[in-house]
Amino acid sequence: MTSERRAVADGMAEAEAVCEELAAVLRRTGIVLPSLTVDPVTYGYEPPRVLVELGRCNVETTRKLIAVLKQAAR
């Protein structure tokens, strides 16, 4: 594996890991972002800039997220 491919693979693995970690933390607060995923299109950038897609959620979920963030910001 070339160093460039290794860097892409490492970036992908890191993005998947943080995506899973965020999903787990959100679940513990009762929040599920159904579209939370790694954006596969960003793997193709040169150099790769892997992005986590937070996705779309309904108003109820958005309000829960706001409440949790407000509490954490205190």
Protein backbone atom coordinates (compact mmCIF):
# COMPACT_ATOMS: atom_id res chain seq x y z
CA MET A 1 0.00 0.00 0.00
CA THR A 2 1.39 3.41 -0.93
CA SER A 3 1.73 6.12 1.69
CA GLU A 4 -1.03 8.11 -0.06
CA ARG A 5 -3.45 5.19 0.04
CA ARG A 6 -2.51 4.52 3.65
CA ALA A 7 -3.28 8.14 4.54
CA VAL A 8 -6.69 7.88 2.85
CA ALA A 9 -7.43 4.60 4.65
CA ASP A 10 -6.36 6.12 7.98
CA GLY A 11 -8.57 9.16 7.34
CA MET A 12 -11.51 6.94 6.48
CA ALA A 13 -11.01 4.83 9.59
CA GLU A 14 -10.74 7.92 11.79
CA ALA A 15 -13.88 9.43 10.27
CA GLU A 16 -15.83 6.20 10.78
CA ALA A 17 -14.62 6.00 14.38
CA VAL A 18 -15.60 9.57 15.28
CA CYS A 19 -18.93 9.12 13.54
CA GLU A 20 -19.62 6.04 15.67
CA GLU A 21 -18.44 7.82 18.82
CA LEU A 22 -20.73 10.78 18.13
CA ALA A 23 -23.67 8.47 17.45
CA ALA A 24 -23.04 6.63 20.74
CA VAL A 25 -22.82 9.85 22.77
CA LEU A 26 -25.96 11.22 21.14
CA ARG A 27 -27.83 7.95 21.83
CA ARG A 28 -26.96 8.25 25.53
CA THR A 29 -28.73 11.62 25.54
CA GLY A 30 -31.74 10.21 23.68
CA ILE A 31 -30.81 11.76 20.34
CA VAL A 32 -30.55 9.82 17.08
CA LEU A 33 -29.45 11.52 13.88
CA PRO A 34 -30.69 9.03 11.28
CA SER A 35 -28.50 10.40 8.50
CA LEU A 36 -25.26 10.56 10.52
CA THR A 37 -22.55 9.09 8.29
CA VAL A 38 -19.21 9.71 6.66
CA ASP A 39 -19.55 11.59 3.36
CA PRO A 40 -18.03 9.21 0.79
CA VAL A 41 -17.67 11.94 -1.83
CA THR A 42 -15.01 13.67 0.27
CA TYR A 43 -12.72 10.63 -0.02
CA GLY A 44 -12.10 11.66 -3.63
CA TYR A 45 -10.70 15.12 -2.87
CA GLU A 46 -7.04 15.70 -3.47
CA PRO A 47 -5.75 15.67 -0.81
CA PRO A 48 -8.53 13.73 0.91
CA ARG A 49 -10.61 15.82 3.35
CA VAL A 50 -12.95 13.33 4.91
CA LEU A 51 -16.12 14.95 6.28
CA VAL A 52 -18.76 13.65 8.66
CA GLU A 53 -22.27 14.31 7.36
CA LEU A 54 -24.50 15.15 10.32
CA GLY A 55 -27.50 14.75 8.11
CA ARG A 56 -31.08 15.78 8.47
CA CYS A 57 -33.35 15.46 11.46
CA ASN A 58 -36.84 16.48 12.46
CA VAL A 59 -37.77 19.44 14.66
CA GLU A 60 -38.19 17.29 17.78
CA THR A 61 -34.67 15.88 17.43
CA THR A 62 -33.30 19.35 16.74
CA ARG A 63 -34.90 20.66 19.93
CA LYS A 64 -33.40 17.77 21.93
CA LEU A 65 -29.98 18.54 20.46
CA ILE A 66 -30.33 22.23 21.32
CA ALA A 67 -31.30 21.38 24.92
CA VAL A 68 -28.32 19.04 25.36
CA LEU A 69 -25.91 21.59 23.89
CA LYS A 70 -27.29 24.37 26.06
CA GLN A 71 -26.87 22.20 29.15
CA ALA A 72 -23.31 21.29 28.17
CA ALA A 73 -22.44 24.95 27.53
CA ARG A 74 -23.29 25.98 31.12
